Structures are given as structure tokens and as C-alpha cells.
Amino acid sequence: MQFLIDEDLPHSTGDFDFSDVRNYPPAQYAGLIVLGVPRDATALFILKLLEGFLKQDKLVSELRGEISNY
């Protein structure tokens, strides 16, 4: 996580704990993307889900300092 902060990169995860703004204040990150993935999701499924998110230019451009649940 520190690498992402140091490099000013958004963090994508399937861990909904990152949706808790008390523990992960959005303003401290380049963005937090919380992906809703099934437990049995394959790497290919997760990649396609993330690609679908990243194709939403307006959403991605407004991500800085925000949490996006997708």
C-alpha cells in the first residue's frame, strides 16, 4: 500500500474494509477502487471487471480522493 501512496497511484481491491472512510480517508489516496468480486472469481474475471471500470473515463477522472465501489 505504501508503494501506491508514494507513487500517487489508485488502489484497487476486493476488500470492502477499504470502503470504511474512518480507516481509509479517501483524501489520503489517489483513489480507492473496491471491486465486488465473487470468492471464486478467476484472475481473468477480475481483469475484465477492472478493465470495464477503467473504460469509464468520467468516473476514472474523478477518482482522486474518492472511493468507488464497482
Protein backbone atom coordinates (compact mmCIF):
# COMPACT_ATOMS: atom_id res chain seq x y z
CA MET A 1 0.00 0.00 0.00
CA GLN A 2 2.83 2.41 0.79
CA PHE A 3 4.17 1.99 -2.76
CA LEU A 4 0.82 3.14 -4.17
CA ILE A 5 0.80 6.17 -1.88
CA ASP A 6 4.43 7.04 -2.68
CA GLU A 7 3.79 6.71 -6.42
CA ASP A 8 0.42 8.52 -6.24
CA LEU A 9 -1.45 5.56 -7.72
CA PRO A 10 -5.02 4.44 -7.02
CA HIS A 11 -5.58 1.19 -5.11
CA SER A 12 -7.94 -1.47 -6.42
CA THR A 13 -9.10 -4.27 -4.15
CA GLY A 14 -11.91 -6.70 -3.48
CA ASP A 15 -11.66 -5.98 0.25
CA PHE A 16 -14.70 -3.97 1.35
CA ASP A 17 -12.83 -2.87 4.51
CA PHE A 18 -11.33 -0.18 2.26
CA SER A 19 -14.83 1.34 1.96
CA ASP A 20 -14.61 2.45 5.59
CA VAL A 21 -13.64 6.12 5.34
CA ARG A 22 -12.73 6.20 9.04
CA ASN A 23 -9.85 3.80 8.43
CA TYR A 24 -9.05 4.80 4.85
CA PRO A 25 -9.83 8.51 4.37
CA PRO A 26 -10.22 8.95 0.59
CA ALA A 27 -8.39 12.29 0.55
CA GLN A 28 -5.18 10.49 1.55
CA TYR A 29 -5.16 8.33 -1.58
CA ALA A 30 -5.01 8.82 -5.33
CA GLY A 31 -8.23 6.81 -5.29
CA LEU A 32 -9.66 3.62 -3.87
CA ILE A 33 -11.48 1.19 -6.15
CA VAL A 34 -13.37 -1.54 -4.31
CA LEU A 35 -14.40 -4.28 -6.73
CA GLY A 36 -17.30 -6.54 -5.89
CA VAL A 37 -15.96 -9.93 -6.93
CA PRO A 38 -17.24 -13.39 -6.10
CA ARG A 39 -14.96 -15.54 -3.92
CA ASP A 40 -14.42 -17.96 -6.79
CA ALA A 41 -13.54 -15.23 -9.31
CA THR A 42 -10.69 -16.04 -11.64
CA ALA A 43 -7.88 -13.64 -12.45
CA LEU A 44 -9.40 -13.21 -15.93
CA PHE A 45 -12.78 -12.27 -14.42
CA ILE A 46 -11.16 -9.69 -12.14
CA LEU A 47 -9.11 -8.29 -15.03
CA LYS A 48 -12.26 -7.89 -17.17
CA LEU A 49 -14.09 -6.21 -14.29
CA LEU A 50 -11.23 -3.77 -13.74
CA GLU A 51 -10.97 -3.10 -17.48
CA GLY A 52 -14.70 -2.32 -17.53
CA PHE A 53 -14.22 0.15 -14.72
CA LEU A 54 -11.23 1.83 -16.35
CA LYS A 55 -13.17 2.35 -19.59
CA GLN A 56 -15.48 4.75 -17.74
CA ASP A 57 -13.38 7.86 -18.40
CA LYS A 58 -15.54 10.30 -16.42
CA LEU A 59 -15.58 8.06 -13.34
CA VAL A 60 -11.84 7.42 -13.50
CA SER A 61 -11.01 11.11 -13.98
CA GLU A 62 -12.98 11.97 -10.82
CA LEU A 63 -11.45 9.17 -8.72
CA ARG A 64 -8.76 11.20 -6.92
CA GLY A 65 -9.65 11.45 -3.24
CA GLU A 66 -12.74 9.26 -3.67
CA ILE A 67 -13.87 5.71 -3.07
CA SER A 68 -15.56 3.90 -5.92
CA ASN A 69 -17.44 0.68 -5.29
CA TYR A 70 -17.80 -1.19 -8.55
